[in-house]
C-alpha atoms as a PDB file:
ATOM      1  CA  GLU A   1      14.472  64.083  67.315  1.00  0.00           C
ATOM      2  CA  ILE A   2      15.337  66.665  69.970  1.00  0.00           C
ATOM      3  CA  VAL A   3      19.049  66.094  70.571  1.00  0.00           C
ATOM      4  CA  LEU A   4      20.677  67.792  73.564  1.00  0.00           C
ATOM      5  CA  VAL A   5      24.113  69.304  72.884  1.00  0.00           C
ATOM      6  CA  GLY A   6      26.303  71.363  75.224  1.00  0.00           C
ATOM      7  CA  GLY A   7      26.934  71.136  78.949  1.00  0.00           C
ATOM      8  CA  SER A   8      24.066  73.449  79.889  1.00  0.00           C
ATOM      9  CA  THR A   9      21.536  70.912  78.545  1.00  0.00           C
ATOM     10  CA  ARG A  10      22.253  68.824  81.638  1.00  0.00           C
ATOM     11  CA  ILE A  11      20.350  71.387  83.718  1.00  0.00           C
ATOM     12  CA  PRO A  12      16.996  69.775  84.678  1.00  0.00           C
ATOM     13  CA  LYS A  13      15.128  73.081  84.349  1.00  0.00           C
ATOM     14  CA  ILE A  14      16.294  73.523  80.732  1.00  0.00           C
ATOM     15  CA  GLN A  15      15.285  69.938  79.923  1.00  0.00           C
ATOM     16  CA  HIS A  16      11.872  70.544  81.503  1.00  0.00           C
ATOM     17  CA  LEU A  17      11.334  73.777  79.525  1.00  0.00           C
ATOM     18  CA  LEU A  18      12.358  72.081  76.277  1.00  0.00           C
ATOM     19  CA  GLN A  19      10.019  69.172  76.862  1.00  0.00           C
ATOM     20  CA  ASP A  20       7.136  71.548  77.640  1.00  0.00           C
ATOM     21  CA  PHE A  21       7.890  73.605  74.520  1.00  0.00           C
ATOM     22  CA  PHE A  22       7.715  70.494  72.329  1.00  0.00           C
ATOM     23  CA  ASP A  23       4.459  69.259  73.898  1.00  0.00           C
ATOM     24  CA  GLY A  24       6.026  66.602  76.112  1.00  0.00           C
ATOM     25  CA  LYS A  25       8.155  64.948  73.414  1.00  0.00           C
ATOM     26  CA  GLU A  26      10.910  62.738  74.844  1.00  0.00           C
ATOM     27  CA  LEU A  27      14.394  64.264  74.684  1.00  0.00           C
ATOM     28  CA  ASN A  28      17.226  62.343  73.025  1.00  0.00           C
ATOM     29  CA  LYS A  29      20.092  62.146  75.536  1.00  0.00           C
ATOM     30  CA  SER A  30      22.154  59.527  73.690  1.00  0.00           C
ATOM     31  CA  VAL A  31      24.793  62.045  72.509  1.00  0.00           C
ATOM     32  CA  ASN A  32      27.650  63.021  74.810  1.00  0.00           C
ATOM     33  CA  GLU A  33      27.016  66.760  75.289  1.00  0.00           C
ATOM     34  CA  ASP A  34      30.673  67.773  75.653  1.00  0.00           C
ATOM     35  CA  GLU A  35      32.024  65.531  72.893  1.00  0.00           C
ATOM     36  CA  ALA A  36      29.484  66.945  70.423  1.00  0.00           C
ATOM     37  CA  VAL A  37      30.680  70.488  71.124  1.00  0.00           C
ATOM     38  CA  ALA A  38      34.347  69.491  70.833  1.00  0.00           C
ATOM     39  CA  TYR A  39      33.664  67.626  67.573  1.00  0.00           C
ATOM     40  CA  GLY A  40      31.876  70.621  66.090  1.00  0.00           C
ATOM     41  CA  ALA A  41      34.723  72.959  67.083  1.00  0.00           C
ATOM     42  CA  ALA A  42      37.267  70.625  65.479  1.00  0.00           C
ATOM     43  CA  VAL A  43      35.279  70.487  62.231  1.00  0.00           C
ATOM     44  CA  GLN A  44      34.923  74.277  62.193  1.00  0.00           C
ATOM     45  CA  ALA A  45      38.677  74.678  62.742  1.00  0.00           C
ATOM     46  CA  ALA A  46      39.399  72.285  59.864  1.00  0.00           C
ATOM     47  CA  ILE A  47      37.070  74.258  57.577  1.00  0.00           C
ATOM     48  CA  LEU A  48      38.617  77.619  58.518  1.00  0.00           C
ATOM     49  CA  THR A  49      42.173  76.369  58.030  1.00  0.00           C
ATOM     50  CA  ASN A  50      41.317  74.253  54.968  1.00  0.00           C
ATOM     51  CA  THR A  51      43.046  71.206  56.447  1.00  0.00           C
ATOM     52  CA  GLY A  52      40.173  68.735  56.661  1.00  0.00           C
ATOM     53  CA  GLY A  53      40.510  67.236  53.197  1.00  0.00           C
ATOM     54  CA  PRO A  54      37.640  65.354  51.523  1.00  0.00           C
ATOM     55  CA  LYS A  55      36.106  64.354  54.874  1.00  0.00           C
ATOM     56  CA  ILE A  56      34.638  67.810  55.423  1.00  0.00           C
ATOM     57  CA  GLN A  57      33.883  68.848  51.852  1.00  0.00           C
ATOM     58  CA  ASP A  58      30.158  68.157  52.229  1.00  0.00           C
ATOM     59  CA  ILE A  59      29.819  69.579  55.736  1.00  0.00           C
ATOM     60  CA  LEU A  60      28.220  73.010  56.090  1.00  0.00           C
ATOM     61  CA  LEU A  61      28.490  74.847  59.396  1.00  0.00           C
ATOM     62  CA  LEU A  62      26.537  78.070  59.850  1.00  0.00           C
ATOM     63  CA  ASP A  63      27.118  80.737  62.492  1.00  0.00           C
ATOM     64  CA  VAL A  64      23.892  82.067  63.991  1.00  0.00           C
ATOM     65  CA  LEU A  65      23.007  84.953  66.255  1.00  0.00           C
ATOM     66  CA  SER A  66      22.742  83.630  69.802  1.00  0.00           C
ATOM     67  CA  MET A  67      20.497  86.425  71.140  1.00  0.00           C
ATOM     68  CA  SER A  68      18.102  88.892  69.530  1.00  0.00           C
ATOM     69  CA  VAL A  69      19.196  92.517  69.145  1.00  0.00           C
ATOM     70  CA  GLY A  70      16.943  95.533  68.883  1.00  0.00           C
ATOM     71  CA  ILE A  71      16.078  99.106  69.821  1.00  0.00           C
ATOM     72  CA  GLU A  72      14.082 100.465  72.735  1.00  0.00           C
ATOM     73  CA  ASN A  73      10.804 101.927  71.556  1.00  0.00           C
ATOM     74  CA  GLY A  74       8.448 104.318  73.303  1.00  0.00           C
ATOM     75  CA  GLY A  75       7.201 102.920  76.603  1.00  0.00           C
ATOM     76  CA  GLY A  76      10.388 100.953  77.222  1.00  0.00           C
ATOM     77  CA  VAL A  77       9.487  98.100  74.868  1.00  0.00           C
ATOM     78  CA  MET A  78      12.254  96.514  72.794  1.00  0.00           C
ATOM     79  CA  THR A  79      11.685  96.419  69.037  1.00  0.00           C
ATOM     80  CA  THR A  80      13.597  93.376  67.748  1.00  0.00           C
ATOM     81  CA  MET A  81      15.675  94.144  64.669  1.00  0.00           C
ATOM     82  CA  ILE A  82      17.332  90.736  64.246  1.00  0.00           C
ATOM     83  CA  SER A  83      15.987  87.661  66.026  1.00  0.00           C
ATOM     84  CA  HIS A  84      18.169  84.985  67.584  1.00  0.00           C
ATOM     85  CA  ASN A  85      19.164  81.998  65.417  1.00  0.00           C
ATOM     86  CA  TYR A  86      19.386  84.155  62.271  1.00  0.00           C
ATOM     87  CA  THR A  87      22.367  83.131  60.149  1.00  0.00           C
ATOM     88  CA  ILE A  88      25.196  85.692  60.182  1.00  0.00           C
ATOM     89  CA  PRO A  89      26.453  87.779  58.470  1.00  0.00           C
ATOM     90  CA  ILE A  90      23.142  89.611  58.170  1.00  0.00           C
ATOM     91  CA  ASN A  91      21.935  93.103  57.294  1.00  0.00           C
ATOM     92  CA  LYS A  92      18.459  94.377  58.258  1.00  0.00           C
ATOM     93  CA  THR A  93      16.773  97.791  57.922  1.00  0.00           C
ATOM     94  CA  GLN A  94      13.650  99.169  59.577  1.00  0.00           C
ATOM     95  CA  VAL A  95      11.977 102.598  59.480  1.00  0.00           C
ATOM     96  CA  PHE A  96      11.455 104.535  62.738  1.00  0.00           C
ATOM     97  CA  SER A  97       9.957 107.939  63.454  1.00  0.00           C
ATOM     98  CA  THR A  98       9.604 110.569  66.160  1.00  0.00           C
ATOM     99  CA  TYR A  99       7.527 110.170  69.322  1.00  0.00           C
ATOM    100  CA  THR A 100       6.642 113.863  69.853  1.00  0.00           C
ATOM    101  CA  ASP A 101       5.969 116.891  67.642  1.00  0.00           C
ATOM    102  CA  ASN A 102       9.015 118.886  66.425  1.00  0.00           C
ATOM    103  CA  GLN A 103      11.413 116.428  68.031  1.00  0.00           C
ATOM    104  CA  PRO A 104      14.955 117.692  67.264  1.00  0.00           C
ATOM    105  CA  GLU A 105      16.756 114.384  67.811  1.00  0.00           C
ATOM    106  CA  ILE A 106      16.204 110.672  68.376  1.00  0.00           C
ATOM    107  CA  SER A 107      18.113 108.702  70.978  1.00  0.00           C
ATOM    108  CA  PHE A 108      18.534 105.010  70.135  1.00  0.00           C
ATOM    109  CA  HIS A 109      19.144 102.537  72.959  1.00  0.00           C
ATOM    110  CA  VAL A 110      20.408  99.216  71.583  1.00  0.00           C
ATOM    111  CA  TYR A 111      19.698  96.022  73.528  1.00  0.00           C
ATOM    112  CA  GLU A 112      20.443  92.310  73.361  1.00  0.00           C
ATOM    113  CA  GLY A 113      17.984  89.787  74.788  1.00  0.00           C
ATOM    114  CA  GLU A 114      14.638  88.013  74.409  1.00  0.00           C
ATOM    115  CA  ARG A 115      12.371  89.888  76.845  1.00  0.00           C
ATOM    116  CA  THR A 116       9.671  92.342  75.789  1.00  0.00           C
ATOM    117  CA  MET A 117      10.776  95.149  78.112  1.00  0.00           C
ATOM    118  CA  SER A 118      14.158  96.706  77.404  1.00  0.00           C
ATOM    119  CA  ARG A 119      15.058  96.903  81.095  1.00  0.00           C
ATOM    120  CA  ASP A 120      15.089  93.089  81.251  1.00  0.00           C
ATOM    121  CA  ASN A 121      17.698  92.858  78.470  1.00  0.00           C
ATOM    122  CA  LEU A 122      21.393  93.800  78.134  1.00  0.00           C
ATOM    123  CA  LEU A 123      22.120  97.386  77.069  1.00  0.00           C
ATOM    124  CA  LEU A 124      24.795  97.333  74.350  1.00  0.00           C
ATOM    125  CA  GLY A 125      25.006 101.087  73.821  1.00  0.00           C
ATOM    126  CA  ARG A 126      23.307 104.383  72.963  1.00  0.00           C
ATOM    127  CA  PHE A 127      23.569 106.781  70.043  1.00  0.00           C
ATOM    128  CA  GLU A 128      21.723 109.874  68.858  1.00  0.00           C
ATOM    129  CA  LEU A 129      20.602 111.168  65.474  1.00  0.00           C
ATOM    130  CA  SER A 130      20.250 114.946  65.707  1.00  0.00           C
ATOM    131  CA  ASN A 131      19.481 117.910  63.391  1.00  0.00           C
ATOM    132  CA  LEU A 132      15.992 116.599  62.573  1.00  0.00           C
ATOM    133  CA  LEU A 133      13.773 119.087  60.774  1.00  0.00           C
ATOM    134  CA  PRO A 134      10.676 120.262  62.742  1.00  0.00           C
ATOM    135  CA  ALA A 135       7.700 118.042  61.912  1.00  0.00           C
ATOM    136  CA  PRO A 136       4.624 116.450  63.534  1.00  0.00           C
ATOM    137  CA  ARG A 137       5.224 113.204  65.412  1.00  0.00           C
ATOM    138  CA  GLY A 138       5.391 110.165  63.155  1.00  0.00           C
ATOM    139  CA  THR A 139       6.283 112.235  60.070  1.00  0.00           C
ATOM    140  CA  PRO A 140      10.111 111.937  59.861  1.00  0.00           C
ATOM    141  CA  GLN A 141      11.365 108.729  58.275  1.00  0.00           C
ATOM    142  CA  ILE A 142      14.491 107.376  59.962  1.00  0.00           C
ATOM    143  CA  ASN A 143      16.104 104.370  58.320  1.00  0.00           C
ATOM    144  CA  VAL A 144      17.953 102.279  60.930  1.00  0.00           C
ATOM    145  CA  THR A 145      20.152  99.445  59.679  1.00  0.00           C
ATOM    146  CA  PHE A 146      21.689  96.705  61.819  1.00  0.00           C
ATOM    147  CA  ASN A 147      24.646  94.881  60.292  1.00  0.00           C
ATOM    148  CA  ILE A 148      26.360  91.888  61.931  1.00  0.00           C
ATOM    149  CA  ASP A 149      29.500  90.631  60.210  1.00  0.00           C
ATOM    150  CA  VAL A 150      31.072  87.167  60.198  1.00  0.00           C
ATOM    151  CA  ASN A 151      32.892  87.986  63.442  1.00  0.00           C
ATOM    152  CA  GLY A 152      29.674  88.926  65.209  1.00  0.00           C
ATOM    153  CA  ILE A 153      30.542  92.651  65.303  1.00  0.00           C
ATOM    154  CA  LEU A 154      27.460  94.857  65.236  1.00  0.00           C
ATOM    155  CA  SER A 155      27.389  98.052  63.149  1.00  0.00           C
ATOM    156  CA  LEU A 156      24.466 100.478  63.139  1.00  0.00           C
ATOM    157  CA  TYR A 157      23.537 103.036  60.516  1.00  0.00           C
ATOM    158  CA  ALA A 158      20.808 105.652  60.951  1.00  0.00           C
ATOM    159  CA  VAL A 159      19.787 108.174  58.291  1.00  0.00           C
ATOM    160  CA  ASP A 160      17.042 110.786  58.238  1.00  0.00           C
ATOM    161  CA  LEU A 161      15.463 110.426  54.783  1.00  0.00           C
ATOM    162  CA  THR A 162      14.374 114.093  54.829  1.00  0.00           C
ATOM    163  CA  SER A 163      17.605 115.871  55.782  1.00  0.00           C
ATOM    164  CA  ARG A 164      19.893 112.983  54.693  1.00  0.00           C
ATOM    165  CA  TYR A 165      21.765 113.456  57.978  1.00  0.00           C
ATOM    166  CA  LYS A 166      23.251 110.137  59.069  1.00  0.00           C
ATOM    167  CA  ILE A 167      25.326 108.490  61.777  1.00  0.00           C
ATOM    168  CA  THR A 168      27.309 105.249  61.879  1.00  0.00           C
ATOM    169  CA  ILE A 169      28.217 103.321  65.043  1.00  0.00           C
ATOM    170  CA  THR A 170      30.318 100.163  65.308  1.00  0.00           C
ATOM    171  CA  SER A 171      30.251  98.122  68.516  1.00  0.00           C
ATOM    172  CA  ASN A 172      32.329  95.119  69.494  1.00  0.00           C
ATOM    173  CA  LYS A 173      31.382  95.373  73.155  1.00  0.00           C
ATOM    174  CA  GLY A 174      31.455  92.069  75.007  1.00  0.00           C
ATOM    175  CA  ARG A 175      28.174  90.249  74.532  1.00  0.00           C
ATOM    176  CA  LEU A 176      26.507  87.772  76.845  1.00  0.00           C
ATOM    177  CA  SER A 177      28.404  84.648  77.847  1.00  0.00           C
ATOM    178  CA  LYS A 178      27.041  81.152  77.164  1.00  0.00           C
ATOM    179  CA  ASP A 179      25.822  80.795  80.765  1.00  0.00           C
ATOM    180  CA  GLN A 180      24.160  84.220  80.639  1.00  0.00           C
ATOM    181  CA  ILE A 181      22.442  83.292  77.353  1.00  0.00           C
ATOM    182  CA  ASP A 182      21.112  80.061  78.883  1.00  0.00           C
ATOM    183  CA  LEU A 183      19.788  82.025  81.864  1.00  0.00           C
ATOM    184  CA  CYS A 184      18.128  84.606  79.576  1.00  0.00           C
ATOM    185  CA  MET A 185      16.412  81.875  77.561  1.00  0.00           C
ATOM    186  CA  MET A 186      15.086  80.296  80.765  1.00  0.00           C
ATOM    187  CA  GLU A 187      13.773  83.667  81.987  1.00  0.00           C
ATOM    188  CA  GLU A 188      12.199  84.357  78.587  1.00  0.00           C
ATOM    189  CA  ALA A 189      10.349  81.016  78.639  1.00  0.00           C
ATOM    190  CA  GLU A 190       9.132  81.533  82.205  1.00  0.00           C
ATOM    191  CA  SER A 191       7.975  85.117  81.524  1.00  0.00           C
ATOM    192  CA  LYS A 192       6.475  84.553  78.063  1.00  0.00           C
ATOM    193  CA  LYS A 193       2.839  85.031  79.105  1.00  0.00           C
ATOM    194  CA  HIS A 194       3.596  88.186  81.085  1.00  0.00           C
ATOM    195  CA  ASP A 195       5.679  89.638  78.229  1.00  0.00           C
ATOM    196  CA  GLU A 196       2.901  88.961  75.711  1.00  0.00           C
ATOM    197  CA  GLU A 197       0.433  90.870  77.914  1.00  0.00           C
ATOM    198  CA  VAL A 198       2.852  93.799  78.211  1.00  0.00           C
ATOM    199  CA  LYS A 199       3.358  93.880  74.442  1.00  0.00           C
ATOM    200  CA  TYR A 200      -0.408  93.723  73.788  1.00  0.00           C
ATOM    201  CA  ASN A 201      -1.079  96.628  76.185  1.00  0.00           C
ATOM    202  CA  PHE A 202       1.709  98.700  74.615  1.00  0.00           C
ATOM    203  CA  GLU A 203       0.414  98.139  71.068  1.00  0.00           C
ATOM    204  CA  ALA A 204      -3.153  98.944  72.135  1.00  0.00           C
ATOM    205  CA  LYS A 205      -1.975 102.194  73.763  1.00  0.00           C
ATOM    206  CA  ASN A 206      -0.093 103.158  70.575  1.00  0.00           C
ATOM    207  CA  MET A 207      -3.157 102.488  68.418  1.00  0.00           C
ATOM    208  CA  LEU A 208      -5.292 104.675  70.687  1.00  0.00           C
ATOM    209  CA  GLU A 209      -2.748 107.523  70.624  1.00  0.00           C
ATOM    210  CA  ASN A 210      -2.544 107.354  66.820  1.00  0.00           C
ATOM    211  CA  LEU A 211      -6.341 107.668  66.570  1.00  0.00           C
ATOM    212  CA  THR A 212      -6.288 110.854  68.648  1.00  0.00           C
ATOM    213  CA  ILE A 213      -3.657 112.647  66.498  1.00  0.00           C
END
C-alpha cells in the first residue's frame, strides 16, 4: 500500500508524480495526513523521554536523511556522498583526487539536493585542503568522510593520504525546510530524464579525458 502522510501529500502534483512512479498504482488516502504526523511526533517524544510505558516498547522509529548530500565534481556535477532516506547517524568515506597536474589544493563545495548539477542544489558550504604534494592529475588520494550525527549535524573530514595533511569542518547551517524539500523532490522527478543525460555526457567526457592522459 502507498499511504500518504503529511500535509504536502494533498498537493495534486505530488500525488500524480507518486502514482506515475509506482506505475499507476492507486494511492491510499484513508489516513488523516495531519493526525498521522502528530501521532508519530507524540510517539517519538514518549520514546525520547522514556514516558510511554509498555505501549511503545515494540515501536522502532528511525531518523532518516531527508535530502542527499554530496560534493561538486569537475564539470559542476554533484557526487552524492550520502543519499536521502539513509538512516542517521551515518558515516561514509569516498576517495577523491586532483583534476589537473601539480594541483596545490582542492576546493570542496558541499551541496544538499537531488539534482545532477550542483547549481540546481543548495550550497551548504566550501572548504579547502591545501599543501598537496606536486603530482600528475588523478594521482593524489584524498579521503573525504561525511558524518551526520543523531541531531542531523554534518561534519566533514578530508585527509591527503600522501602528506597526511587533514582538515575537519563541522556545519549546522540551516538545511532545507519541509516545503523546500517537497519542491526539490518534485523538480527532481520532472527533470530526471534531463539529469540522466547530463550525467551520461559528463561520465563519457571523463572517460575520454582519462584515455588521453
